[in-house]
Amino acid sequence: MQTRTRVLTGTALAVALGAGTFGAVSAAAAPASAGRAASAQQAAPAKKDGDTNFTTSTHLTVDAATRAAQAALDAAEKENQKVTVAVVDRNGNTIVTLRGDGAGPQSYESAERKAFTAVSWNAPTSVLVGRLAQTPNLKDIPGTLFLGGGTPVQAKGAPVAGIGVAGAPSGDLDEKYAKAGVDALDK
């Protein structure tokens, strides 16, 4: 036990000394770095109003995504369809997924992949299915699913999310329910 205590104490001491040395070196270098940064700012051309190195993007809130998913699920349930609804953000990350009572196990992943495909190309997946004739390799892109049932959510013409529905007997029905989700966002 004594050897272990010595090793732990020695390690802690070495870490503390290293951190202190690093802090001293960093503090000594700070004024020189600040001077270089100031000269770089003077040499750079003046920026115009609104011209920055950053962009602003629009994202769907969790509340809005949940509302859209519930509207799509409700539309399907009114027609006695057992589906799963997924809403993904602009980057294809899942925001919310609702699996309806009795929806098949395959519907969960299919809904997410349809939503991802719709937002990736900013087009309903039923439209994208037609593009496979000209470019069959599209189906090889990871995470995509070229079946009807996915639709993008747009803000100012740009895709901000995708809604995917899977589990109904046809992609047309799945897409109809996905559009009900999009319509719920316009209210």
Protein backbone atom coordinates (compact mmCIF):
# COMPACT_ATOMS: atom_id res chain seq x y z
CA MET A 1 0.00 0.00 0.00
CA GLN A 2 2.90 2.39 0.75
CA THR A 3 4.40 1.95 -2.73
CA ARG A 4 1.06 2.69 -4.33
CA THR A 5 0.66 5.83 -2.22
CA ARG A 6 4.16 7.02 -3.21
CA VAL A 7 3.46 6.45 -6.89
CA LEU A 8 0.17 8.33 -6.72
CA THR A 9 1.75 11.20 -4.76
CA GLY A 10 4.68 11.39 -7.19
CA THR A 11 2.33 11.40 -10.20
CA ALA A 12 0.19 14.14 -8.68
CA LEU A 13 3.30 16.23 -7.94
CA ALA A 14 4.60 15.78 -11.51
CA VAL A 15 1.24 16.85 -12.95
CA ALA A 16 1.11 19.92 -10.69
CA LEU A 17 4.66 20.97 -11.62
CA GLY A 18 3.94 20.45 -15.31
CA ALA A 19 0.78 22.53 -15.12
CA GLY A 20 2.62 25.30 -13.28
CA THR A 21 5.40 25.35 -15.88
CA PHE A 22 2.89 25.41 -18.72
CA GLY A 23 1.01 28.28 -17.06
CA ALA A 24 4.22 30.31 -16.60
CA VAL A 25 5.25 29.79 -20.21
CA SER A 26 1.75 30.66 -21.44
CA ALA A 27 1.62 33.80 -19.30
CA ALA A 28 5.01 34.93 -20.59
CA ALA A 29 3.92 34.35 -24.20
CA ALA A 30 0.57 36.14 -23.86
CA PRO A 31 1.79 39.74 -24.39
CA ALA A 32 3.73 38.80 -27.54
CA SER A 33 0.77 36.91 -28.94
CA ALA A 34 -1.55 39.81 -28.22
CA GLY A 35 0.76 42.17 -30.08
CA ARG A 36 0.88 39.87 -33.12
CA ALA A 37 -2.91 39.58 -33.12
CA ALA A 38 -3.27 43.37 -33.04
CA SER A 39 -0.90 43.79 -36.02
CA ALA A 40 -2.76 41.09 -37.96
CA GLN A 41 -6.01 42.96 -37.39
CA GLN A 42 -4.46 46.19 -38.65
CA ALA A 43 -3.12 44.49 -41.78
CA ALA A 44 -6.46 42.82 -42.62
CA PRO A 45 -8.85 44.82 -44.78
CA ALA A 46 -11.80 46.38 -43.01
CA LYS A 47 -14.94 44.27 -43.19
CA LYS A 48 -18.26 45.62 -44.38
CA ASP A 49 -21.36 45.54 -42.18
CA GLY A 50 -22.78 42.02 -42.02
CA ASP A 51 -19.65 40.46 -43.53
CA THR A 52 -18.41 37.88 -41.04
CA ASN A 53 -16.71 34.54 -40.88
CA PHE A 54 -19.89 32.92 -39.62
CA THR A 55 -23.23 32.00 -41.09
CA THR A 56 -26.59 31.74 -39.46
CA SER A 57 -28.73 28.71 -40.09
CA THR A 58 -32.30 27.85 -39.24
CA HIS A 59 -33.08 24.75 -37.22
CA LEU A 60 -36.29 23.02 -36.26
CA THR A 61 -36.91 23.07 -32.52
CA VAL A 62 -37.57 19.86 -30.61
CA ASP A 63 -41.09 21.12 -29.91
CA ALA A 64 -41.77 21.76 -33.61
CA ALA A 65 -40.26 18.41 -34.61
CA THR A 66 -42.43 16.61 -32.07
CA ARG A 67 -45.54 18.48 -33.26
CA ALA A 68 -44.79 17.55 -36.88
CA ALA A 69 -44.13 13.90 -36.02
CA GLN A 70 -47.34 13.68 -33.99
CA ALA A 71 -49.36 15.24 -36.83
CA ALA A 72 -47.96 12.68 -39.28
CA LEU A 73 -48.67 9.82 -36.88
CA ASP A 74 -52.22 11.12 -36.26
CA ALA A 75 -52.88 11.32 -40.01
CA ALA A 76 -51.81 7.70 -40.41
CA GLU A 77 -53.82 6.52 -37.42
CA LYS A 78 -56.98 8.18 -38.83
CA GLU A 79 -56.62 5.79 -41.77
CA ASN A 80 -55.79 2.82 -39.52
CA GLN A 81 -52.16 2.67 -40.67
CA LYS A 82 -49.44 1.52 -38.32
CA VAL A 83 -46.37 3.60 -39.06
CA THR A 84 -43.23 5.09 -37.60
CA VAL A 85 -42.40 8.77 -38.11
CA ALA A 86 -38.90 10.23 -37.88
CA VAL A 87 -37.82 13.87 -38.02
CA VAL A 88 -34.17 14.68 -38.70
CA ASP A 89 -32.33 18.00 -38.67
CA ARG A 90 -30.49 19.59 -41.60
CA ASN A 91 -27.48 17.36 -40.96
CA GLY A 92 -29.54 14.18 -40.89
CA ASN A 93 -29.39 13.75 -37.10
CA THR A 94 -32.58 12.38 -35.59
CA ILE A 95 -34.53 14.92 -33.56
CA VAL A 96 -37.54 12.72 -32.75
CA THR A 97 -38.94 9.35 -33.75
CA LEU A 98 -42.45 8.18 -32.91
CA ARG A 99 -43.27 4.52 -33.43
CA GLY A 100 -47.01 4.01 -33.69
CA ASP A 101 -48.71 1.13 -31.97
CA GLY A 102 -48.27 -2.00 -34.05
CA ALA A 103 -45.72 -0.51 -36.49
CA GLY A 104 -43.35 -3.11 -37.91
CA PRO A 105 -39.78 -3.37 -36.64
CA GLN A 106 -38.34 -2.37 -40.03
CA SER A 107 -40.30 0.89 -40.05
CA TYR A 108 -38.10 2.60 -37.45
CA GLU A 109 -34.89 2.59 -39.51
CA SER A 110 -36.77 3.07 -42.79
CA ALA A 111 -38.46 6.24 -41.50
CA GLU A 112 -35.14 7.71 -40.37
CA ARG A 113 -33.43 6.89 -43.67
CA LYS A 114 -36.30 8.38 -45.71
CA ALA A 115 -36.13 11.58 -43.65
CA PHE A 116 -32.35 11.72 -44.12
CA THR A 117 -32.69 11.21 -47.88
CA ALA A 118 -35.36 13.92 -48.22
CA VAL A 119 -33.36 16.55 -46.34
CA SER A 120 -30.11 15.61 -48.09
CA TRP A 121 -31.52 16.33 -51.54
CA ASN A 122 -34.21 18.84 -50.49
CA ALA A 123 -36.81 16.81 -52.36
CA PRO A 124 -39.54 14.29 -51.58
CA THR A 125 -38.21 10.76 -51.78
CA SER A 126 -40.88 9.86 -54.35
CA VAL A 127 -39.24 12.37 -56.72
CA LEU A 128 -35.80 10.99 -55.93
CA VAL A 129 -36.90 7.44 -56.80
CA GLY A 130 -37.24 8.65 -60.40
CA ARG A 131 -33.64 9.84 -60.41
CA LEU A 132 -32.40 6.30 -59.78
CA ALA A 133 -33.10 5.46 -63.43
CA GLN A 134 -30.45 7.98 -64.55
CA THR A 135 -28.09 7.48 -61.62
CA PRO A 136 -28.53 4.02 -60.06
CA ASN A 137 -25.48 4.50 -57.82
CA LEU A 138 -27.41 7.01 -55.70
CA LYS A 139 -28.83 4.06 -53.76
CA ASP A 140 -25.30 3.19 -52.63
CA ILE A 141 -24.92 6.35 -50.54
CA PRO A 142 -24.89 5.31 -46.87
CA GLY A 143 -27.96 6.15 -44.82
CA THR A 144 -30.27 6.79 -47.76
CA LEU A 145 -33.47 5.05 -48.76
CA PHE A 146 -35.04 5.82 -52.10
CA LEU A 147 -38.65 4.87 -51.38
CA GLY A 148 -41.64 7.18 -51.18
CA GLY A 149 -42.37 8.47 -47.69
CA GLY A 150 -39.82 11.21 -47.01
CA THR A 151 -40.29 14.93 -47.46
CA PRO A 152 -38.09 17.92 -46.66
CA VAL A 153 -39.02 20.76 -44.34
CA GLN A 154 -37.95 24.10 -45.80
CA ALA A 155 -37.37 27.60 -44.49
CA LYS A 156 -36.87 30.28 -47.15
CA GLY A 157 -36.44 27.54 -49.77
CA ALA A 158 -33.59 25.82 -47.92
CA PRO A 159 -33.90 22.42 -46.25
CA VAL A 160 -33.87 22.58 -42.46
CA ALA A 161 -35.25 19.13 -41.62
CA GLY A 162 -36.71 15.99 -43.11
CA ILE A 163 -39.76 13.95 -42.14
CA GLY A 164 -39.84 10.26 -42.97
CA VAL A 165 -42.75 7.86 -42.56
CA ALA A 166 -42.60 4.10 -42.99
CA GLY A 167 -44.98 1.22 -42.45
CA ALA A 168 -48.01 1.98 -44.61
CA PRO A 169 -48.69 -0.37 -47.53
CA SER A 170 -47.30 2.14 -50.06
CA GLY A 171 -44.78 4.93 -50.29
CA ASP A 172 -47.54 7.23 -51.53
CA LEU A 173 -49.39 6.82 -48.23
CA ASP A 174 -46.19 7.22 -46.22
CA GLU A 175 -45.46 10.45 -48.08
CA LYS A 176 -49.01 11.71 -47.60
CA TYR A 177 -48.53 11.36 -43.83
CA ALA A 178 -45.09 12.99 -43.96
CA LYS A 179 -46.65 15.98 -45.74
CA ALA A 180 -49.26 16.19 -42.97
CA GLY A 181 -46.32 16.65 -40.61
CA VAL A 182 -44.88 19.46 -42.73
CA ASP A 183 -48.32 21.10 -42.96
CA ALA A 184 -48.57 21.09 -39.15
CA LEU A 185 -45.51 23.34 -39.03
CA ASP A 186 -47.21 25.97 -41.20
CA LYS A 187 -49.99 26.48 -38.65
